[in-house]
C-alpha atoms as a PDB file:
ATOM      1  CA  MET A   1       0.000   0.000   0.000  1.00  0.00           C
ATOM      2  CA  ARG A   2       1.378   3.399  -0.979  1.00  0.00           C
ATOM      3  CA  GLU A   3       1.965   5.909   1.747  1.00  0.00           C
ATOM      4  CA  THR A   4       0.431   9.319   1.287  1.00  0.00           C
ATOM      5  CA  THR A   5       2.063  12.336   2.859  1.00  0.00           C
ATOM      6  CA  PRO A   6      -0.235  15.298   3.602  1.00  0.00           C
ATOM      7  CA  ARG A   7       0.762  18.292   1.485  1.00  0.00           C
ATOM      8  CA  ALA A   8      -0.098  21.951   1.625  1.00  0.00           C
ATOM      9  CA  PRO A   9      -2.588  22.992  -1.078  1.00  0.00           C
ATOM     10  CA  VAL A  10      -0.988  24.058  -4.337  1.00  0.00           C
ATOM     11  CA  SER A  11      -2.616  26.504  -6.712  1.00  0.00           C
ATOM     12  CA  LEU A  12      -2.751  25.905 -10.441  1.00  0.00           C
ATOM     13  CA  SER A  13      -0.896  29.155 -11.052  1.00  0.00           C
ATOM     14  CA  ALA A  14       2.103  27.918  -9.049  1.00  0.00           C
ATOM     15  CA  LEU A  15       2.670  25.195 -11.652  1.00  0.00           C
ATOM     16  CA  GLY A  16       3.573  27.797 -14.251  1.00  0.00           C
ATOM     17  CA  ASP A  17       3.004  28.051 -17.984  1.00  0.00           C
ATOM     18  CA  GLN A  18       1.742  24.876 -19.623  1.00  0.00           C
ATOM     19  CA  PRO A  19       2.053  23.396 -23.155  1.00  0.00           C
ATOM     20  CA  ARG A  20      -0.206  24.479 -25.965  1.00  0.00           C
ATOM     21  CA  LEU A  21      -3.347  22.437 -26.540  1.00  0.00           C
ATOM     22  CA  SER A  22      -1.945  21.439 -29.935  1.00  0.00           C
ATOM     23  CA  GLU A  23       0.719  19.242 -28.303  1.00  0.00           C
ATOM     24  CA  PRO A  24      -0.006  15.496 -27.993  1.00  0.00           C
ATOM     25  CA  LYS A  25      -2.024  14.620 -24.896  1.00  0.00           C
ATOM     26  CA  HIS A  26       0.651  12.364 -23.388  1.00  0.00           C
ATOM     27  CA  ALA A  27       3.318  15.053 -23.776  1.00  0.00           C
ATOM     28  CA  ARG A  28       1.040  17.690 -22.219  1.00  0.00           C
ATOM     29  CA  ARG A  29       0.185  15.396 -19.325  1.00  0.00           C
ATOM     30  CA  ALA A  30       3.847  14.577 -18.704  1.00  0.00           C
ATOM     31  CA  ARG A  31       4.838  18.250 -18.734  1.00  0.00           C
ATOM     32  CA  PHE A  32       2.022  19.058 -16.325  1.00  0.00           C
ATOM     33  CA  HIS A  33       3.015  16.293 -13.911  1.00  0.00           C
ATOM     34  CA  GLN A  34       6.624  17.475 -13.983  1.00  0.00           C
ATOM     35  CA  SER A  35       5.429  21.006 -13.199  1.00  0.00           C
ATOM     36  CA  TRP A  36       3.563  19.573 -10.212  1.00  0.00           C
ATOM     37  CA  TYR A  37       6.645  17.622  -9.126  1.00  0.00           C
ATOM     38  CA  ARG A  38       8.805  20.747  -9.379  1.00  0.00           C
ATOM     39  CA  VAL A  39       6.580  22.621  -6.943  1.00  0.00           C
ATOM     40  CA  VAL A  40       5.350  19.918  -4.575  1.00  0.00           C
ATOM     41  CA  GLN A  41       8.364  17.613  -4.356  1.00  0.00           C
ATOM     42  CA  LEU A  42      11.321  19.824  -5.192  1.00  0.00           C
ATOM     43  CA  GLY A  43       9.929  23.002  -3.642  1.00  0.00           C
ATOM     44  CA  VAL A  44      11.107  25.041  -6.650  1.00  0.00           C
ATOM     45  CA  ARG A  45       8.653  27.869  -7.128  1.00  0.00           C
ATOM     46  CA  GLY A  46      10.006  29.525 -10.248  1.00  0.00           C
ATOM     47  CA  TRP A  47      10.270  27.979 -13.693  1.00  0.00           C
ATOM     48  CA  GLY A  48      12.430  28.320 -16.760  1.00  0.00           C
ATOM     49  CA  THR A  49      12.075  28.923 -20.470  1.00  0.00           C
ATOM     50  CA  THR A  50      12.637  27.118 -23.747  1.00  0.00           C
ATOM     51  CA  PRO A  51      15.659  28.111 -25.891  1.00  0.00           C
ATOM     52  CA  LYS A  52      13.327  30.491 -27.728  1.00  0.00           C
ATOM     53  CA  GLY A  53      12.331  32.176 -24.480  1.00  0.00           C
ATOM     54  CA  ARG A  54       8.901  30.628 -23.949  1.00  0.00           C
ATOM     55  CA  PRO A  55       8.139  30.053 -20.231  1.00  0.00           C
ATOM     56  CA  LEU A  56       7.244  26.465 -19.346  1.00  0.00           C
ATOM     57  CA  GLY A  57       6.425  25.042 -15.940  1.00  0.00           C
ATOM     58  CA  SER A  58       8.256  21.774 -16.616  1.00  0.00           C
ATOM     59  CA  ILE A  59      11.594  23.556 -17.071  1.00  0.00           C
ATOM     60  CA  LEU A  60      13.726  24.294 -14.015  1.00  0.00           C
ATOM     61  CA  PRO A  61      14.997  27.842 -13.530  1.00  0.00           C
ATOM     62  CA  PRO A  62      18.781  28.299 -13.960  1.00  0.00           C
ATOM     63  CA  ALA A  63      19.702  28.144 -10.263  1.00  0.00           C
ATOM     64  CA  ALA A  64      17.823  24.888  -9.679  1.00  0.00           C
ATOM     65  CA  ALA A  65      19.235  23.384 -12.873  1.00  0.00           C
ATOM     66  CA  ALA A  66      22.782  24.307 -11.880  1.00  0.00           C
ATOM     67  CA  ALA A  67      22.225  22.726  -8.459  1.00  0.00           C
ATOM     68  CA  GLY A  68      21.418  19.378 -10.099  1.00  0.00           C
ATOM     69  CA  ARG A  69      17.766  19.321  -9.027  1.00  0.00           C
ATOM     70  CA  ASN A  70      16.743  17.508 -12.225  1.00  0.00           C
ATOM     71  CA  PHE A  71      18.552  14.376 -11.045  1.00  0.00           C
ATOM     72  CA  THR A  72      16.899  12.098  -8.514  1.00  0.00           C
ATOM     73  CA  SER A  73      20.063  10.578  -7.041  1.00  0.00           C
ATOM     74  CA  PRO A  74      23.807  11.218  -6.714  1.00  0.00           C
ATOM     75  CA  GLU A  75      24.402   8.182  -8.940  1.00  0.00           C
ATOM     76  CA  ALA A  76      22.252   9.688 -11.709  1.00  0.00           C
ATOM     77  CA  GLU A  77      24.100  12.999 -11.604  1.00  0.00           C
ATOM     78  CA  ALA A  78      27.459  11.203 -11.520  1.00  0.00           C
ATOM     79  CA  MET A  79      26.485   9.189 -14.614  1.00  0.00           C
ATOM     80  CA  PHE A  80      25.562  12.427 -16.389  1.00  0.00           C
ATOM     81  CA  VAL A  81      28.858  14.117 -15.459  1.00  0.00           C
ATOM     82  CA  LYS A  82      30.903  11.085 -16.502  1.00  0.00           C
ATOM     83  CA  ARG A  83      29.105  10.817 -19.850  1.00  0.00           C
ATOM     84  CA  ARG A  84      29.402  14.530 -20.535  1.00  0.00           C
ATOM     85  CA  ASN A  85      33.146  14.383 -19.906  1.00  0.00           C
ATOM     86  CA  LEU A  86      33.438  11.701 -22.587  1.00  0.00           C
ATOM     87  CA  GLY A  87      32.367  14.189 -25.249  1.00  0.00           C
ATOM     88  CA  TRP A  88      29.500  14.801 -27.656  1.00  0.00           C
ATOM     89  CA  GLY A  89      26.251  12.928 -27.090  1.00  0.00           C
ATOM     90  CA  VAL A  90      24.370  14.621 -24.257  1.00  0.00           C
ATOM     91  CA  ASP A  91      22.663  17.996 -24.139  1.00  0.00           C
ATOM     92  CA  PRO A  92      23.741  19.578 -20.830  1.00  0.00           C
ATOM     93  CA  VAL A  93      21.065  22.293 -20.945  1.00  0.00           C
ATOM     94  CA  ARG A  94      18.150  19.949 -21.589  1.00  0.00           C
ATOM     95  CA  MET A  95      19.435  17.340 -19.168  1.00  0.00           C
ATOM     96  CA  THR A  96      19.810  19.735 -16.267  1.00  0.00           C
ATOM     97  CA  SER A  97      16.741  21.899 -16.831  1.00  0.00           C
ATOM     98  CA  HIS A  98      14.064  20.100 -18.904  1.00  0.00           C
ATOM     99  CA  MET A  99      12.183  17.818 -16.545  1.00  0.00           C
ATOM    100  CA  THR A 100      10.612  15.852 -19.425  1.00  0.00           C
ATOM    101  CA  SER A 101      13.976  15.055 -20.990  1.00  0.00           C
ATOM    102  CA  SER A 102      14.271  11.352 -21.842  1.00  0.00           C
ATOM    103  CA  GLN A 103      18.035  11.656 -21.420  1.00  0.00           C
ATOM    104  CA  THR A 104      17.501  12.816 -17.848  1.00  0.00           C
ATOM    105  CA  LEU A 105      15.125   9.924 -17.224  1.00  0.00           C
ATOM    106  CA  LEU A 106      17.799   7.603 -18.619  1.00  0.00           C
ATOM    107  CA  MET A 107      20.344   8.855 -16.072  1.00  0.00           C
ATOM    108  CA  ASN A 108      17.801   8.817 -13.230  1.00  0.00           C
ATOM    109  CA  LEU A 109      16.846   5.237 -14.088  1.00  0.00           C
ATOM    110  CA  LEU A 110      20.196   3.677 -14.940  1.00  0.00           C
ATOM    111  CA  GLY A 111      22.439   5.676 -12.597  1.00  0.00           C
ATOM    112  CA  PRO A 112      21.482   3.734  -9.445  1.00  0.00           C
ATOM    113  CA  LEU A 113      21.032   0.408 -11.276  1.00  0.00           C
ATOM    114  CA  ALA A 114      24.368   0.516 -13.090  1.00  0.00           C
ATOM    115  CA  ASP A 115      26.027   1.483  -9.808  1.00  0.00           C
ATOM    116  CA  ASP A 116      24.935  -1.934  -8.479  1.00  0.00           C
ATOM    117  CA  PRO A 117      25.427  -4.394 -11.385  1.00  0.00           C
ATOM    118  CA  ASP A 118      23.945  -7.313  -9.464  1.00  0.00           C
ATOM    119  CA  TRP A 119      20.722  -5.353  -8.976  1.00  0.00           C
ATOM    120  CA  LEU A 120      20.608  -4.404 -12.651  1.00  0.00           C
ATOM    121  CA  LEU A 121      21.258  -8.032 -13.574  1.00  0.00           C
ATOM    122  CA  GLU A 122      18.310  -9.207 -11.501  1.00  0.00           C
ATOM    123  CA  VAL A 123      16.009  -6.613 -13.084  1.00  0.00           C
ATOM    124  CA  LEU A 124      17.069  -7.636 -16.587  1.00  0.00           C
ATOM    125  CA  ARG A 125      16.624 -11.314 -15.802  1.00  0.00           C
ATOM    126  CA  VAL A 126      13.013 -10.626 -14.881  1.00  0.00           C
ATOM    127  CA  VAL A 127      11.957  -8.127 -17.559  1.00  0.00           C
ATOM    128  CA  LEU A 128      13.657 -10.096 -20.333  1.00  0.00           C
ATOM    129  CA  ALA A 129      12.582 -13.471 -18.897  1.00  0.00           C
ATOM    130  CA  ARG A 130      16.223 -14.522 -19.177  1.00  0.00           C
ATOM    131  CA  PRO A 131      17.317 -16.396 -16.033  1.00  0.00           C
ATOM    132  CA  ASN A 132      20.439 -17.527 -17.906  1.00  0.00           C
ATOM    133  CA  LEU A 133      21.991 -14.045 -17.739  1.00  0.00           C
ATOM    134  CA  THR A 134      24.979 -14.315 -15.410  1.00  0.00           C
ATOM    135  CA  GLU A 135      26.711 -10.918 -15.286  1.00  0.00           C
ATOM    136  CA  VAL A 136      26.475  -7.305 -16.417  1.00  0.00           C
ATOM    137  CA  LEU A 137      29.836  -6.658 -18.075  1.00  0.00           C
ATOM    138  CA  ASP A 138      29.417  -3.041 -19.169  1.00  0.00           C
ATOM    139  CA  VAL A 139      26.831  -0.265 -19.377  1.00  0.00           C
ATOM    140  CA  ALA A 140      27.357   2.637 -21.783  1.00  0.00           C
ATOM    141  CA  VAL A 141      24.791   5.448 -21.983  1.00  0.00           C
ATOM    142  CA  GLU A 142      24.212   7.540 -25.104  1.00  0.00           C
ATOM    143  CA  PHE A 143      26.465   5.059 -26.827  1.00  0.00           C
ATOM    144  CA  ALA A 144      28.180   5.224 -30.200  1.00  0.00           C
ATOM    145  CA  PRO A 145      31.500   3.572 -31.059  1.00  0.00           C
ATOM    146  CA  PRO A 146      34.504   5.932 -31.149  1.00  0.00           C
ATOM    147  CA  LYS A 147      35.553   4.937 -34.678  1.00  0.00           C
ATOM    148  CA  ARG A 148      32.300   4.908 -36.619  1.00  0.00           C
ATOM    149  CA  SER A 149      34.089   3.993 -39.842  1.00  0.00           C
ATOM    150  CA  HIS A 150      34.826   0.564 -38.343  1.00  0.00           C
ATOM    151  CA  TYR A 151      31.145  -0.085 -37.671  1.00  0.00           C
ATOM    152  CA  LEU A 152      28.185   1.307 -39.648  1.00  0.00           C
ATOM    153  CA  GLY A 153      29.701   4.626 -40.619  1.00  0.00           C
ATOM    154  CA  ASP A 154      26.737   6.831 -39.633  1.00  0.00           C
ATOM    155  CA  MET A 155      25.843   9.002 -36.649  1.00  0.00           C
ATOM    156  CA  THR A 156      23.433   6.582 -34.983  1.00  0.00           C
ATOM    157  CA  ARG A 157      23.554   6.572 -31.189  1.00  0.00           C
ATOM    158  CA  VAL A 158      21.610   4.367 -28.757  1.00  0.00           C
ATOM    159  CA  ASP A 159      20.277   5.380 -25.357  1.00  0.00           C
ATOM    160  CA  ALA A 160      22.185   2.588 -23.627  1.00  0.00           C
ATOM    161  CA  PHE A 161      24.237  -0.407 -24.680  1.00  0.00           C
ATOM    162  CA  VAL A 162      24.718  -3.218 -22.187  1.00  0.00           C
ATOM    163  CA  LYS A 163      27.126  -6.136 -22.568  1.00  0.00           C
ATOM    164  CA  LEU A 164      25.949  -9.247 -20.758  1.00  0.00           C
ATOM    165  CA  ALA A 165      27.513 -12.545 -19.900  1.00  0.00           C
ATOM    166  CA  VAL A 166      25.243 -15.523 -20.431  1.00  0.00           C
ATOM    167  CA  GLU A 167      25.685 -19.225 -19.939  1.00  0.00           C
ATOM    168  CA  GLY A 168      28.050 -20.044 -22.770  1.00  0.00           C
ATOM    169  CA  GLY A 169      29.045 -16.607 -24.026  1.00  0.00           C
ATOM    170  CA  ILE A 170      28.312 -12.878 -24.380  1.00  0.00           C
ATOM    171  CA  GLU A 171      25.241 -11.049 -25.650  1.00  0.00           C
ATOM    172  CA  GLY A 172      24.245  -7.434 -26.133  1.00  0.00           C
ATOM    173  CA  LEU A 173      21.250  -5.351 -25.096  1.00  0.00           C
ATOM    174  CA  VAL A 174      20.251  -2.107 -26.765  1.00  0.00           C
ATOM    175  CA  LEU A 175      17.963  -0.026 -24.552  1.00  0.00           C
ATOM    176  CA  GLU A 176      15.777   2.645 -26.083  1.00  0.00           C
ATOM    177  CA  LEU A 177      13.842   4.787 -23.613  1.00  0.00           C
ATOM    178  CA  LYS A 178      10.803   6.901 -24.452  1.00  0.00           C
ATOM    179  CA  TYR A 179       9.123   9.325 -22.064  1.00  0.00           C
ATOM    180  CA  ALA A 180       7.284  12.251 -23.629  1.00  0.00           C
ATOM    181  CA  ASP A 181       8.982  12.223 -27.035  1.00  0.00           C
ATOM    182  CA  ARG A 182       8.287  10.247 -30.182  1.00  0.00           C
ATOM    183  CA  PHE A 183      10.618   8.104 -32.229  1.00  0.00           C
ATOM    184  CA  SER A 184      13.125  10.192 -34.155  1.00  0.00           C
ATOM    185  CA  SER A 185      11.900  11.622 -37.435  1.00  0.00           C
ATOM    186  CA  ARG A 186      15.468  11.440 -38.752  1.00  0.00           C
ATOM    187  CA  ARG A 187      15.643   9.009 -41.664  1.00  0.00           C
ATOM    188  CA  LEU A 188      18.860   7.568 -43.057  1.00  0.00           C
ATOM    189  CA  PRO A 189      18.916   5.698 -46.401  1.00  0.00           C
ATOM    190  CA  VAL A 190      19.998   2.415 -44.815  1.00  0.00           C
ATOM    191  CA  SER A 191      18.695   0.459 -47.810  1.00  0.00           C
ATOM    192  CA  GLU A 192      21.454   2.083 -49.864  1.00  0.00           C
ATOM    193  CA  SER A 193      24.226   1.253 -47.398  1.00  0.00           C
ATOM    194  CA  PRO A 194      26.537  -1.692 -48.199  1.00  0.00           C
ATOM    195  CA  ARG A 195      27.386  -1.888 -44.477  1.00  0.00           C
ATOM    196  CA  TYR A 196      23.764  -2.514 -43.506  1.00  0.00           C
ATOM    197  CA  ARG A 197      23.323  -5.028 -46.329  1.00  0.00           C
ATOM    198  CA  ASP A 198      26.458  -6.873 -45.220  1.00  0.00           C
ATOM    199  CA  LEU A 199      25.218  -6.874 -41.629  1.00  0.00           C
ATOM    200  CA  ALA A 200      21.852  -8.271 -42.690  1.00  0.00           C
ATOM    201  CA  GLU A 201      23.555 -11.066 -44.612  1.00  0.00           C
ATOM    202  CA  SER A 202      26.047 -11.962 -41.876  1.00  0.00           C
ATOM    203  CA  THR A 203      23.561 -11.885 -38.976  1.00  0.00           C
ATOM    204  CA  SER A 204      20.273 -12.938 -40.626  1.00  0.00           C
ATOM    205  CA  LEU A 205      18.682 -10.526 -38.153  1.00  0.00           C
ATOM    206  CA  TRP A 206      15.770  -9.493 -40.401  1.00  0.00           C
ATOM    207  CA  ARG A 207      13.376 -11.744 -42.342  1.00  0.00           C
ATOM    208  CA  SER A 208      13.285  -9.421 -45.364  1.00  0.00           C
ATOM    209  CA  PRO A 209      16.003  -6.758 -45.072  1.00  0.00           C
ATOM    210  CA  GLY A 210      14.934  -4.918 -48.203  1.00  0.00           C
ATOM    211  CA  HIS A 211      11.453  -4.398 -46.812  1.00  0.00           C
ATOM    212  CA  THR A 212      12.679  -3.552 -43.315  1.00  0.00           C
ATOM    213  CA  PHE A 213      15.297  -1.073 -44.504  1.00  0.00           C
ATOM    214  CA  SER A 214      12.740   0.807 -46.605  1.00  0.00           C
ATOM    215  CA  ASP A 215      10.217   1.055 -43.754  1.00  0.00           C
ATOM    216  CA  GLY A 216      10.492   4.679 -42.675  1.00  0.00           C
ATOM    217  CA  SER A 217       8.559   4.189 -39.439  1.00  0.00           C
ATOM    218  CA  ALA A 218      11.115   1.630 -38.257  1.00  0.00           C
ATOM    219  CA  ASN A 219      14.223   3.542 -39.354  1.00  0.00           C
ATOM    220  CA  GLN A 220      15.383   4.499 -35.858  1.00  0.00           C
ATOM    221  CA  LEU A 221      14.768   1.005 -34.485  1.00  0.00           C
ATOM    222  CA  VAL A 222      16.610  -0.610 -37.404  1.00  0.00           C
ATOM    223  CA  ARG A 223      19.631   1.637 -36.903  1.00  0.00           C
ATOM    224  CA  CYS A 224      19.748   1.132 -33.130  1.00  0.00           C
ATOM    225  CA  HIS A 225      19.427  -2.645 -33.366  1.00  0.00           C
ATOM    226  CA  ALA A 226      21.972  -2.744 -36.179  1.00  0.00           C
ATOM    227  CA  LEU A 227      24.464  -0.664 -34.213  1.00  0.00           C
ATOM    228  CA  GLY A 228      24.315  -3.061 -31.275  1.00  0.00           C
ATOM    229  CA  ALA A 229      24.719  -6.098 -33.518  1.00  0.00           C
ATOM    230  CA  ARG A 230      27.582  -4.572 -35.491  1.00  0.00           C
ATOM    231  CA  THR A 231      29.382  -3.361 -32.350  1.00  0.00           C
ATOM    232  CA  LEU A 232      29.701  -6.821 -30.861  1.00  0.00           C
ATOM    233  CA  GLN A 233      30.414  -8.323 -34.270  1.00  0.00           C
ATOM    234  CA  VAL A 234      33.452  -6.050 -34.602  1.00  0.00           C
ATOM    235  CA  ASP A 235      34.561  -6.087 -30.972  1.00  0.00           C
ATOM    236  CA  LEU A 236      34.244  -9.859 -30.501  1.00  0.00           C
ATOM    237  CA  GLY A 237      35.025 -10.984 -34.027  1.00  0.00           C
ATOM    238  CA  ALA A 238      31.860 -13.068 -33.984  1.00  0.00           C
ATOM    239  CA  THR A 239      28.118 -12.697 -34.487  1.00  0.00           C
ATOM    240  CA  VAL A 240      26.246 -12.980 -31.181  1.00  0.00           C
ATOM    241  CA  PRO A 241      22.624 -12.220 -30.207  1.00  0.00           C
ATOM    242  CA  VAL A 242      21.692  -8.609 -29.464  1.00  0.00           C
ATOM    243  CA  THR A 243      18.291  -7.791 -28.023  1.00  0.00           C
ATOM    244  CA  LEU A 244      16.526  -4.481 -28.589  1.00  0.00           C
ATOM    245  CA  MET A 245      14.456  -3.432 -25.572  1.00  0.00           C
ATOM    246  CA  LEU A 246      12.072  -0.488 -25.554  1.00  0.00           C
ATOM    247  CA  VAL A 247      11.043   0.982 -22.195  1.00  0.00           C
ATOM    248  CA  HIS A 248       8.152   3.396 -22.680  1.00  0.00           C
ATOM    249  CA  HIS A 249       5.689   5.295 -20.534  1.00  0.00           C
ATOM    250  CA  PRO A 250       2.402   3.413 -19.963  1.00  0.00           C
ATOM    251  CA  LEU A 251       0.431   6.398 -21.273  1.00  0.00           C
ATOM    252  CA  ASP A 252       2.423   6.521 -24.509  1.00  0.00           C
ATOM    253  CA  LEU A 253       0.038   4.772 -26.880  1.00  0.00           C
ATOM    254  CA  SER A 254       2.050   5.413 -30.044  1.00  0.00           C
ATOM    255  CA  ALA A 255       5.397   3.741 -29.295  1.00  0.00           C
ATOM    256  CA  GLY A 256       4.074   0.210 -28.842  1.00  0.00           C
ATOM    257  CA  PRO A 257       2.507  -0.339 -32.288  1.00  0.00           C
ATOM    258  CA  VAL A 258       5.610   0.983 -34.075  1.00  0.00           C
ATOM    259  CA  PHE A 259       7.859  -1.282 -32.039  1.00  0.00           C
ATOM    260  CA  ASP A 260       5.611  -4.321 -32.447  1.00  0.00           C
ATOM    261  CA  ALA A 261       5.568  -3.831 -36.222  1.00  0.00           C
ATOM    262  CA  TYR A 262       9.368  -3.793 -36.208  1.00  0.00           C
ATOM    263  CA  ARG A 263       9.542  -6.929 -34.064  1.00  0.00           C
ATOM    264  CA  ARG A 264       7.445  -8.827 -36.615  1.00  0.00           C
ATOM    265  CA  GLN A 265      10.143  -8.140 -39.203  1.00  0.00           C
ATOM    266  CA  LEU A 266      12.834  -9.948 -37.210  1.00  0.00           C
ATOM    267  CA  ALA A 267      13.853 -13.487 -38.042  1.00  0.00           C
ATOM    268  CA  ASP A 268      13.751 -14.133 -34.298  1.00  0.00           C
ATOM    269  CA  PRO A 269      11.086 -11.890 -32.692  1.00  0.00           C
ATOM    270  CA  LYS A 270      12.462 -12.760 -29.240  1.00  0.00           C
ATOM    271  CA  LEU A 271      15.335 -10.370 -30.007  1.00  0.00           C
ATOM    272  CA  ALA A 272      12.999  -7.402 -29.498  1.00  0.00           C
ATOM    273  CA  THR A 273      10.948  -6.751 -26.397  1.00  0.00           C
ATOM    274  CA  ARG A 274       9.139  -3.829 -24.873  1.00  0.00           C
ATOM    275  CA  ILE A 275       8.063  -3.091 -21.332  1.00  0.00           C
ATOM    276  CA  ASP A 276       6.281  -0.117 -19.865  1.00  0.00           C
ATOM    277  CA  LEU A 277       8.158   2.085 -17.438  1.00  0.00           C
ATOM    278  CA  GLU A 278       5.786   1.379 -14.571  1.00  0.00           C
ATOM    279  CA  LEU A 279       6.463  -2.365 -14.718  1.00  0.00           C
ATOM    280  CA  PHE A 280      10.202  -1.814 -15.079  1.00  0.00           C
ATOM    281  CA  LEU A 281      10.231   0.365 -11.963  1.00  0.00           C
ATOM    282  CA  GLN A 282       8.084  -2.091 -10.023  1.00  0.00           C
ATOM    283  CA  THR A 283      10.513  -4.871 -10.917  1.00  0.00           C
ATOM    284  CA  ALA A 284      13.419  -2.741  -9.695  1.00  0.00           C
ATOM    285  CA  LEU A 285      11.538  -1.933  -6.487  1.00  0.00           C
ATOM    286  CA  VAL A 286      10.788  -5.557  -5.667  1.00  0.00           C
ATOM    287  CA  SER A 287      14.424  -6.560  -6.168  1.00  0.00           C
ATOM    288  CA  ALA A 288      16.008  -3.502  -4.507  1.00  0.00           C
ATOM    289  CA  PRO A 289      18.872  -4.676  -2.251  1.00  0.00           C
ATOM    290  CA  SER A 290      18.384  -1.965   0.393  1.00  0.00           C
ATOM    291  CA  ILE A 291      15.785   0.391   1.826  1.00  0.00           C
ATOM    292  CA  GLY A 292      17.655   3.354   0.394  1.00  0.00           C
ATOM    293  CA  GLN A 293      17.634   1.902  -3.107  1.00  0.00           C
ATOM    294  CA  ALA A 294      13.945   1.050  -2.771  1.00  0.00           C
ATOM    295  CA  ARG A 295      13.192   4.631  -1.777  1.00  0.00           C
ATOM    296  CA  GLY A 296      15.090   5.833  -4.827  1.00  0.00           C
ATOM    297  CA  ILE A 297      12.833   3.751  -7.067  1.00  0.00           C
ATOM    298  CA  GLN A 298       9.753   5.071  -5.258  1.00  0.00           C
ATOM    299  CA  THR A 299      10.973   8.577  -6.033  1.00  0.00           C
ATOM    300  CA  LEU A 300      11.161   7.641  -9.711  1.00  0.00           C
ATOM    301  CA  GLN A 301       7.664   6.163  -9.553  1.00  0.00           C
ATOM    302  CA  LEU A 302       6.299   9.348  -8.031  1.00  0.00           C
ATOM    303  CA  ARG A 303       8.058  11.568 -10.527  1.00  0.00           C
ATOM    304  CA  TYR A 304       7.369   9.646 -13.703  1.00  0.00           C
ATOM    305  CA  VAL A 305       4.337   7.353 -13.436  1.00  0.00           C
ATOM    306  CA  ARG A 306       2.137   8.311 -10.491  1.00  0.00           C
ATOM    307  CA  HIS A 307       0.069  10.823 -12.409  1.00  0.00           C
ATOM    308  CA  GLU A 308      -2.812  10.322  -9.994  1.00  0.00           C
ATOM    309  CA  GLU A 309      -0.952  12.592  -7.582  1.00  0.00           C
ATOM    310  CA  SER A 310      -1.404  15.579  -9.907  1.00  0.00           C
ATOM    311  CA  GLU A 311      -4.780  14.495 -11.284  1.00  0.00           C
ATOM    312  CA  PRO A 312      -6.972  16.993  -9.349  1.00  0.00           C
ATOM    313  CA  LEU A 313      -4.982  19.953 -10.637  1.00  0.00           C
ATOM    314  CA  TRP A 314      -4.905  18.439 -14.117  1.00  0.00           C
ATOM    315  CA  HIS A 315      -8.699  18.358 -14.217  1.00  0.00           C
ATOM    316  CA  GLU A 316      -8.738  21.918 -12.947  1.00  0.00           C
ATOM    317  CA  LEU A 317      -6.507  22.921 -15.856  1.00  0.00           C
ATOM    318  CA  LEU A 318      -8.711  21.114 -18.366  1.00  0.00           C
ATOM    319  CA  ALA A 319     -11.794  22.841 -17.000  1.00  0.00           C
ATOM    320  CA  ALA A 320     -10.072  26.216 -17.242  1.00  0.00           C
ATOM    321  CA  THR A 321      -8.795  25.752 -20.791  1.00  0.00           C
ATOM    322  CA  GLN A 322     -11.603  23.934 -22.616  1.00  0.00           C
ATOM    323  CA  PRO A 323     -13.670  26.178 -24.917  1.00  0.00           C
ATOM    324  CA  ALA A 324     -16.866  27.534 -23.406  1.00  0.00           C
ATOM    325  CA  ARG A 325     -19.953  25.608 -24.498  1.00  0.00           C
ATOM    326  CA  ARG A 326     -22.586  27.420 -26.477  1.00  0.00           C
ATOM    327  CA  ARG A 327     -25.911  27.743 -24.745  1.00  0.00           C
END
């Protein structure tokens, strides 16, 4: 049973400027909940602006962003700092100030888990239904190989790449994380690439590569899965299984169908799996090794999936913004 802490009443105006009605409902709801979290949980009363100067309640003001308030744990902030020091691949402004940033969610989620590889291993065993996983060997966030010319030769980057030991060898896991954003609209002509064609032939990953490579809706998923497969193929000198896992918000109704359509194009559909964020967090909570780690997961649940906490104010906003009915 969830504990409820009495809170002082919060006015709708304290949540700050909200997204335009033209934005997708899930994105608007996520931004609103983050605005609520900023005020009620972080105690940050002011809010920031977009790069174009538009105020938005789900953006932290500069002082709060600089103080690391967008990160839910020291491990998350440390993962961000370490990755930023490695070079291009993270947006420091968005990650420290935009509360709906999927990159920030990635650090908040994987920071504590990667800091305790045995915990992460147990979570992956459950969500992937893979009890034969034996060790987490490496976790790289916002991953792309340093010498792209040795791999696929393009600018594809994956949210996280995990190397895993299994009974009898090594496998890879590509993690793609979606919060309030959609799949990338960036399209690369992979059907014209000899590297992708060679990868398809050497791995037999896709049932009909020509069809898959020309499917614009699956372009990002193809590139991410291909990058994971090619990375281990080059690094290990052998072709080994690489699983693509999508973790998405339970209220995101668009990501699932796109991913499922891609999975049907795989020769082995078991190499693609998706799980909603709520279930992933619940799995991490159940297997948390300590009370402190469990509380960290509960913080993530409150911030990212417990929309019922901000529901009364959300309905107040809807009532205030819906067009007046004609009498």
